[in-house]
Amino acid sequence: MNSMTNRVFEVTGVTYHYDRINALKGINVHVDRGERIALLGANGSGKSTLMKLLDGLYSPDSGSITAFGEPLTDAALQDERFARRFRSRVGFVFQNPDVQLFNPTVFDEIAFGPLQFEWPKDRIRSKVAEIMDLMQISHLKDRPPHRLSGGEKKRVALASVIVLDPEVLMLDEPTDALDPKSQGQVIDFLVGWGGGAKTVLTATHNLDIVEDIADRAYIFQDGRTICEGPPSRLLTDQELLARTGLLHAHRHIHDSGTVHSHPHAHQRHEH
């Protein structure tokens, strides 16, 4: 299989505007099958916008996106066969689970996708039970999603996507606002999901998790990708991380009265 037939997404010269805000400025990104990729950048850098374009929620103002070798366009998504195939292959978990969860119970939330794809009822019940067990939320199956904790909502939102066993999983800030235990559960899942054979894109500014969840990373700044490479290399470039808002400095006063400024990895700070 050559590199092009192995390609999941190809993004070429893509621009996108929100009203008068230039959110993406000529982005070039590629994703191959089985890759685990992190999109890094401070809030507002463009990484979440790119994910929504890759999920077909937005369309670029200019440039092109291909998915599995086919153009990803409004016209393509109007075609029922293309849209159905694409939606079964690509899953997207939003940063805020409240915009994703709308069913009366956790069970109904996870079963919603399979129902849309007209799975047999026995298969739906079996698969939903399997996924709830995997995500350690079986005890929540009759609870209304809107009454769950933040960590529980995140796991339900993730379960509602992975129940369809997509080839590609995209997550926007999956550990945002989670306590350490819930963070660990989400990271453990991402590390082990699909035996490492799935394609996973994660948008984050939490540098602590990047080397665990990604083999390659893009760093975004002001609507552009400014560099790309293995996390082990990118995360050691302190000047790069500081310049792109992924590090912040704390001032410390030592016993001698000397004031020093030390850089720290940027975790869940709002810009």
Protein backbone atom coordinates (compact mmCIF):
# COMPACT_ATOMS: atom_id res chain seq x y z
CA MET A 1 0.00 0.00 0.00
CA ASN A 2 1.57 3.26 -1.08
CA SER A 3 1.48 6.43 0.98
CA MET A 4 -1.41 7.99 -0.94
CA THR A 5 -3.73 4.97 -0.64
CA ASN A 6 -2.78 4.88 3.03
CA ARG A 7 -3.77 8.53 3.48
CA VAL A 8 -6.80 9.32 5.60
CA PHE A 9 -6.79 13.13 5.30
CA GLU A 10 -4.95 15.52 3.00
CA VAL A 11 -5.39 19.22 3.76
CA THR A 12 -3.94 21.58 1.15
CA GLY A 13 -3.87 25.37 1.42
CA VAL A 14 -7.02 25.55 3.53
CA THR A 15 -8.33 28.89 4.79
CA TYR A 16 -11.38 29.53 6.95
CA HIS A 17 -13.05 32.66 8.37
CA TYR A 18 -15.51 33.18 11.21
CA ASP A 19 -17.19 36.40 10.17
CA ARG A 20 -14.12 38.68 9.98
CA ILE A 21 -11.82 36.46 12.00
CA ASN A 22 -9.23 34.67 9.88
CA ALA A 23 -9.13 31.35 11.75
CA LEU A 24 -7.02 29.31 9.30
CA LYS A 25 -4.46 30.78 6.93
CA GLY A 26 -3.33 28.28 4.31
CA ILE A 27 -3.07 25.10 6.39
CA ASN A 28 -1.26 22.04 5.00
CA VAL A 29 -1.69 18.84 7.03
CA HIS A 30 -1.70 15.14 6.22
CA VAL A 31 -2.82 12.14 8.26
CA ASP A 32 -2.03 8.53 7.37
CA ARG A 33 -3.89 5.43 8.46
CA GLY A 34 -2.90 4.24 11.93
CA GLU A 35 -1.17 7.49 12.92
CA ARG A 36 -1.68 9.08 16.32
CA ILE A 37 -1.40 12.82 15.82
CA ALA A 38 -1.56 15.72 18.27
CA LEU A 39 -2.61 19.19 17.17
CA LEU A 40 -0.94 21.55 19.64
CA GLY A 41 -1.55 25.21 20.22
CA ALA A 42 -2.97 27.79 22.56
CA ASN A 43 -6.71 28.47 22.49
CA GLY A 44 -7.66 30.30 19.30
CA SER A 45 -4.70 28.97 17.32
CA GLY A 46 -6.88 27.11 14.79
CA LYS A 47 -6.57 23.48 15.83
CA SER A 48 -10.23 23.02 16.81
CA THR A 49 -11.37 24.73 13.61
CA LEU A 50 -9.31 22.29 11.56
CA MET A 51 -10.90 19.34 13.36
CA LYS A 52 -14.40 20.60 12.54
CA LEU A 53 -13.37 20.93 8.89
CA LEU A 54 -12.05 17.37 8.92
CA ASP A 55 -15.36 16.20 10.37
CA GLY A 56 -17.29 17.95 7.62
CA LEU A 57 -18.98 20.35 10.05
CA TYR A 58 -17.41 23.34 8.27
CA SER A 59 -16.27 23.82 4.70
CA PRO A 60 -13.06 25.68 3.81
CA ASP A 61 -13.20 29.10 2.19
CA SER A 62 -10.35 28.04 -0.07
CA GLY A 63 -8.01 25.11 -0.48
CA SER A 64 -9.02 21.46 -0.46
CA ILE A 65 -9.54 18.51 1.88
CA THR A 66 -9.62 14.86 0.86
CA ALA A 67 -10.84 12.06 3.12
CA PHE A 68 -9.86 8.49 2.26
CA GLY A 69 -8.79 9.67 -1.17
CA GLU A 70 -12.07 11.44 -2.02
CA PRO A 71 -12.84 15.19 -1.93
CA LEU A 72 -14.55 16.20 1.32
CA THR A 73 -16.96 18.88 0.15
CA ASP A 74 -20.48 20.09 0.86
CA ALA A 75 -21.60 18.42 -2.37
CA ALA A 76 -20.06 15.09 -1.36
CA LEU A 77 -21.75 15.22 2.05
CA GLN A 78 -25.08 15.86 0.33
CA ASP A 79 -24.71 12.44 -1.27
CA GLU A 80 -26.35 9.98 1.13
CA ARG A 81 -24.04 7.08 0.31
CA PHE A 82 -20.87 9.15 0.75
CA ALA A 83 -22.15 10.79 3.94
CA ARG A 84 -23.21 7.50 5.49
CA ARG A 85 -19.85 5.89 4.68
CA PHE A 86 -17.91 8.91 5.95
CA ARG A 87 -19.91 9.17 9.21
CA SER A 88 -19.35 5.48 9.92
CA ARG A 89 -15.59 5.86 9.47
CA VAL A 90 -14.93 9.15 11.32
CA GLY A 91 -15.93 9.97 14.90
CA PHE A 92 -15.55 13.35 16.62
CA VAL A 93 -15.70 14.05 20.37
CA PHE A 94 -16.31 17.72 21.15
CA GLN A 95 -14.44 19.65 23.82
CA ASN A 96 -17.67 20.41 25.66
CA PRO A 97 -19.75 17.23 26.07
CA ASP A 98 -22.88 19.28 26.78
CA VAL A 99 -23.12 20.16 23.08
CA GLN A 100 -22.95 16.46 22.16
CA LEU A 101 -25.25 14.82 24.71
CA PHE A 102 -29.00 15.23 24.20
CA ASN A 103 -30.72 11.89 24.89
CA PRO A 104 -32.78 11.13 28.04
CA THR A 105 -30.48 8.38 29.37
CA VAL A 106 -26.88 7.27 29.00
CA PHE A 107 -28.04 4.06 27.32
CA ASP A 108 -30.09 6.02 24.78
CA GLU A 109 -27.14 8.34 24.14
CA ILE A 110 -24.80 5.49 23.25
CA ALA A 111 -27.46 3.63 21.27
CA PHE A 112 -28.37 6.69 19.17
CA GLY A 113 -25.65 6.24 16.53
CA PRO A 114 -26.29 2.52 15.95
CA LEU A 115 -30.03 3.26 15.66
CA GLN A 116 -29.32 5.79 12.91
CA PHE A 117 -27.37 3.11 11.07
CA GLU A 118 -30.28 0.70 11.53
CA TRP A 119 -28.42 -1.96 13.45
CA PRO A 120 -30.50 -4.92 14.71
CA LYS A 121 -31.76 -4.32 18.25
CA ASP A 122 -29.92 -7.31 19.71
CA ARG A 123 -26.64 -6.04 18.25
CA ILE A 124 -27.29 -2.56 19.64
CA ARG A 125 -27.97 -3.85 23.17
CA SER A 126 -24.88 -6.06 23.09
CA LYS A 127 -22.55 -3.39 21.71
CA VAL A 128 -23.83 -0.66 24.05
CA ALA A 129 -23.29 -2.95 27.04
CA GLU A 130 -19.77 -3.74 25.81
CA ILE A 131 -18.86 -0.07 25.39
CA MET A 132 -20.34 0.95 28.73
CA ASP A 133 -18.27 -1.73 30.41
CA LEU A 134 -15.14 -0.58 28.54
CA MET A 135 -15.68 3.02 29.63
CA GLN A 136 -16.66 2.01 33.19
CA ILE A 137 -20.07 3.69 32.96
CA SER A 138 -22.43 0.68 33.12
CA HIS A 139 -23.78 1.90 36.46
CA LEU A 140 -24.87 5.13 34.76
CA LYS A 141 -26.96 3.58 31.98
CA ASP A 142 -30.33 4.87 33.26
CA ARG A 143 -29.05 8.31 34.35
CA PRO A 144 -29.76 11.52 32.39
CA PRO A 145 -26.47 12.66 30.83
CA HIS A 146 -27.01 16.29 31.82
CA ARG A 147 -26.94 15.32 35.50
CA LEU A 148 -23.53 13.60 35.37
CA SER A 149 -20.18 14.95 36.50
CA GLY A 150 -17.79 16.47 33.96
CA GLY A 151 -15.66 13.33 33.81
CA GLU A 152 -18.70 11.08 33.43
CA LYS A 153 -20.06 13.26 30.62
CA LYS A 154 -16.73 13.04 28.79
CA ARG A 155 -16.75 9.25 29.00
CA VAL A 156 -20.37 9.05 27.82
CA ALA A 157 -19.60 11.36 24.88
CA LEU A 158 -16.61 9.20 23.98
CA ALA A 159 -18.68 6.02 24.30
CA SER A 160 -21.37 7.46 22.01
CA VAL A 161 -18.74 7.84 19.28
CA ILE A 162 -16.65 4.69 19.67
CA VAL A 163 -19.72 2.44 19.79
CA LEU A 164 -19.67 2.68 15.98
CA ASP A 165 -16.02 1.53 15.94
CA PRO A 166 -14.84 4.33 13.62
CA GLU A 167 -11.55 4.04 11.76
CA VAL A 168 -10.66 7.60 12.74
CA LEU A 169 -11.26 9.16 16.14
CA MET A 170 -10.87 12.92 16.64
CA LEU A 171 -10.93 14.49 20.09
CA ASP A 172 -10.94 18.18 20.96
CA GLU A 173 -9.25 18.85 24.33
CA PRO A 174 -10.24 15.44 25.77
CA THR A 175 -8.77 16.13 29.23
CA ASP A 176 -10.02 19.70 29.57
CA ALA A 177 -11.56 20.43 33.00
CA LEU A 178 -11.14 16.83 34.18
CA ASP A 179 -9.83 15.74 37.58
CA PRO A 180 -6.62 13.64 37.56
CA LYS A 181 -8.50 10.32 37.85
CA SER A 182 -10.78 11.11 34.90
CA GLN A 183 -7.79 12.36 32.89
CA GLY A 184 -6.02 9.07 33.52
CA GLN A 185 -9.03 7.06 32.39
CA VAL A 186 -9.29 8.98 29.13
CA ILE A 187 -5.54 8.74 28.43
CA ASP A 188 -5.48 5.01 29.20
CA PHE A 189 -8.30 4.52 26.72
CA LEU A 190 -6.56 6.52 23.99
CA VAL A 191 -3.32 4.59 24.46
CA GLY A 192 -5.00 1.20 24.19
CA TRP A 193 -7.93 1.77 21.86
CA GLY A 194 -8.00 -0.49 18.83
CA GLY A 195 -4.70 -2.13 19.80
CA GLY A 196 -2.87 0.89 18.41
CA ALA A 197 -4.19 0.26 14.88
CA LYS A 198 -6.70 3.13 14.80
CA THR A 199 -6.09 6.65 13.53
CA VAL A 200 -6.40 9.17 16.38
CA LEU A 201 -6.21 12.98 16.18
CA THR A 202 -6.16 14.91 19.43
CA ALA A 203 -6.29 18.69 19.72
CA THR A 204 -4.81 19.80 23.02
CA HIS A 205 -2.69 22.33 24.84
CA ASN A 206 -2.01 19.90 27.71
CA LEU A 207 1.62 19.01 27.00
CA ASP A 208 1.78 16.41 29.77
CA ILE A 209 -0.26 13.91 27.75
CA VAL A 210 1.22 14.41 24.29
CA GLU A 211 4.01 11.82 24.31
CA ASP A 212 1.57 9.21 25.63
CA ILE A 213 -1.09 9.76 22.97
CA ALA A 214 0.78 10.85 19.83
CA ASP A 215 3.60 9.76 17.54
CA ARG A 216 3.57 12.99 15.51
CA ALA A 217 2.46 16.52 16.27
CA TYR A 218 1.67 19.79 14.54
CA ILE A 219 2.06 23.08 16.40
CA PHE A 220 -0.44 25.80 15.52
CA GLN A 221 -0.06 29.54 15.97
CA ASP A 222 -2.39 32.28 14.75
CA GLY A 223 -4.16 30.09 12.21
CA ARG A 224 -1.03 28.47 10.78
CA THR A 225 0.95 25.29 11.31
CA ILE A 226 4.43 26.47 12.13
CA CYS A 227 6.16 23.13 12.64
CA GLU A 228 5.58 19.38 12.61
CA GLY A 229 7.49 16.41 14.00
CA PRO A 230 7.75 13.83 16.78
CA PRO A 231 6.63 15.08 20.22
CA SER A 232 9.96 14.04 21.72
CA ARG A 233 11.67 16.70 19.57
CA LEU A 234 9.04 19.45 19.64
CA LEU A 235 8.51 19.35 23.40
CA THR A 236 12.19 19.94 24.15
CA ASP A 237 12.25 23.22 22.22
CA GLN A 238 11.53 25.65 25.06
CA GLU A 239 11.79 28.73 22.86
CA LEU A 240 9.26 27.30 20.38
CA LEU A 241 6.81 26.34 23.12
CA ALA A 242 7.08 29.74 24.77
CA ARG A 243 6.64 31.57 21.47
CA THR A 244 3.48 29.61 20.64
CA GLY A 245 1.84 30.07 24.04
CA LEU A 246 2.35 26.49 25.17
CA LEU A 247 4.63 27.56 28.01
CA HIS A 248 4.04 30.23 30.57
CA ALA A 249 6.42 31.72 33.10
CA HIS A 250 5.92 31.87 36.85
CA ARG A 251 7.93 34.34 38.95
CA HIS A 252 9.44 32.92 42.12
CA ILE A 253 11.01 34.89 44.98
CA HIS A 254 13.85 32.93 46.58
CA ASP A 255 14.98 33.18 50.20
CA SER A 256 17.80 35.47 49.10
CA GLY A 257 15.26 37.90 47.68
CA THR A 258 16.25 37.11 44.08
CA VAL A 259 13.33 36.89 41.66
CA HIS A 260 13.54 34.23 38.93
CA SER A 261 11.13 33.46 36.10
CA HIS A 262 10.76 29.77 35.26
CA PRO A 263 8.92 28.32 32.23
CA HIS A 264 6.23 25.69 32.81
CA ALA A 265 4.16 23.54 30.48
CA HIS A 266 0.85 25.19 29.77
CA GLN A 267 -2.04 23.13 31.13
CA ARG A 268 -5.69 24.14 30.78
CA HIS A 269 -5.14 27.89 31.04
CA GLU A 270 -7.55 30.04 29.09
CA HIS A 271 -6.34 32.71 26.66
